[in-house]
Amino acid sequence: MRLQRLYPGARLFGQAKALSVPLPKDLEDAALVAWVGDLLDAIFPIPVPATEPVE
C-alpha cells in the first residue's frame, strides 16, 4: 500500500473509516504544519481539471 511506504506505521481502520499516522519526532511548529499539509495532500490530492479536446 502506498500509504505504508510514505508513512511507516500508518494504519487504516476500515470499519471505523479512520486513519492513524504516527507523528514524526522533533519537528518544530512550521515543519509540523508542513508535514501535516503534505500528509493531507497525499491522502486527498487536488484534482486536476480535465482539458477540452482540441479540434
C-alpha atoms as a PDB file:
ATOM      1  CA  MET A   1       0.000   0.000   0.000  1.00  0.00           C
ATOM      2  CA  ARG A   2       1.343   3.440  -0.905  1.00  0.00           C
ATOM      3  CA  LEU A   3       0.420   4.918   2.468  1.00  0.00           C
ATOM      4  CA  GLN A   4       2.632   2.388   4.276  1.00  0.00           C
ATOM      5  CA  ARG A   5       5.558   3.279   2.030  1.00  0.00           C
ATOM      6  CA  LEU A   6       5.194   7.030   2.519  1.00  0.00           C
ATOM      7  CA  TYR A   7       4.254   6.946   6.206  1.00  0.00           C
ATOM      8  CA  PRO A   8       5.652   3.865   8.004  1.00  0.00           C
ATOM      9  CA  GLY A   9       3.481   2.788  10.898  1.00  0.00           C
ATOM     10  CA  ALA A  10       0.305   4.236   9.374  1.00  0.00           C
ATOM     11  CA  ARG A  11      -2.820   2.141   9.911  1.00  0.00           C
ATOM     12  CA  LEU A  12      -6.195   2.228   8.209  1.00  0.00           C
ATOM     13  CA  PHE A  13      -9.185   1.147  10.276  1.00  0.00           C
ATOM     14  CA  GLY A  14     -11.770   0.316   7.626  1.00  0.00           C
ATOM     15  CA  GLN A  15     -14.620  -0.486   9.991  1.00  0.00           C
ATOM     16  CA  ALA A  16     -14.378   2.909  11.678  1.00  0.00           C
ATOM     17  CA  LYS A  17     -13.288   4.699   8.471  1.00  0.00           C
ATOM     18  CA  ALA A  18     -10.312   6.101  10.375  1.00  0.00           C
ATOM     19  CA  LEU A  19      -6.624   6.548   9.665  1.00  0.00           C
ATOM     20  CA  SER A  20      -3.826   6.618  12.215  1.00  0.00           C
ATOM     21  CA  VAL A  21      -0.463   8.095  11.192  1.00  0.00           C
ATOM     22  CA  PRO A  22       2.329   8.394  13.752  1.00  0.00           C
ATOM     23  CA  LEU A  23       3.757  11.888  14.115  1.00  0.00           C
ATOM     24  CA  PRO A  24       7.426  12.382  13.278  1.00  0.00           C
ATOM     25  CA  LYS A  25       9.729  13.163  16.187  1.00  0.00           C
ATOM     26  CA  ASP A  26      11.383  16.518  16.886  1.00  0.00           C
ATOM     27  CA  LEU A  27       9.570  18.768  14.425  1.00  0.00           C
ATOM     28  CA  GLU A  28       9.224  22.460  15.150  1.00  0.00           C
ATOM     29  CA  ASP A  29       5.948  24.293  14.545  1.00  0.00           C
ATOM     30  CA  ALA A  30       6.449  25.280  10.889  1.00  0.00           C
ATOM     31  CA  ALA A  31       7.893  21.888   9.943  1.00  0.00           C
ATOM     32  CA  LEU A  32       4.995  20.084  11.648  1.00  0.00           C
ATOM     33  CA  VAL A  33       2.435  22.217   9.815  1.00  0.00           C
ATOM     34  CA  ALA A  34       4.225  21.475   6.514  1.00  0.00           C
ATOM     35  CA  TRP A  35       4.279  17.732   7.328  1.00  0.00           C
ATOM     36  CA  VAL A  36       0.520  17.728   8.018  1.00  0.00           C
ATOM     37  CA  GLY A  37      -0.060  19.606   4.756  1.00  0.00           C
ATOM     38  CA  ASP A  38       1.970  17.026   2.837  1.00  0.00           C
ATOM     39  CA  LEU A  39       0.042  14.209   4.525  1.00  0.00           C
ATOM     40  CA  LEU A  40      -3.311  15.731   3.582  1.00  0.00           C
ATOM     41  CA  ASP A  41      -2.117  16.330   0.003  1.00  0.00           C
ATOM     42  CA  ALA A  42      -1.062  12.668  -0.230  1.00  0.00           C
ATOM     43  CA  ILE A  43      -4.419  11.421   1.075  1.00  0.00           C
ATOM     44  CA  PHE A  44      -6.673  13.945  -0.675  1.00  0.00           C
ATOM     45  CA  PRO A  45      -4.872  15.106  -3.835  1.00  0.00           C
ATOM     46  CA  ILE A  46      -6.199  18.201  -5.551  1.00  0.00           C
ATOM     47  CA  PRO A  47      -7.999  17.080  -8.731  1.00  0.00           C
ATOM     48  CA  VAL A  48      -6.553  18.322 -11.967  1.00  0.00           C
ATOM     49  CA  PRO A  49      -9.285  19.759 -14.198  1.00  0.00           C
ATOM     50  CA  ALA A  50      -9.733  17.947 -17.485  1.00  0.00           C
ATOM     51  CA  THR A  51      -8.889  19.922 -20.574  1.00  0.00           C
ATOM     52  CA  GLU A  52     -11.225  20.055 -23.514  1.00  0.00           C
ATOM     53  CA  PRO A  53     -10.090  18.126 -26.586  1.00  0.00           C
ATOM     54  CA  VAL A  54      -8.526  20.215 -29.345  1.00  0.00           C
ATOM     55  CA  GLU A  55     -10.443  20.069 -32.613  1.00  0.00           C
END
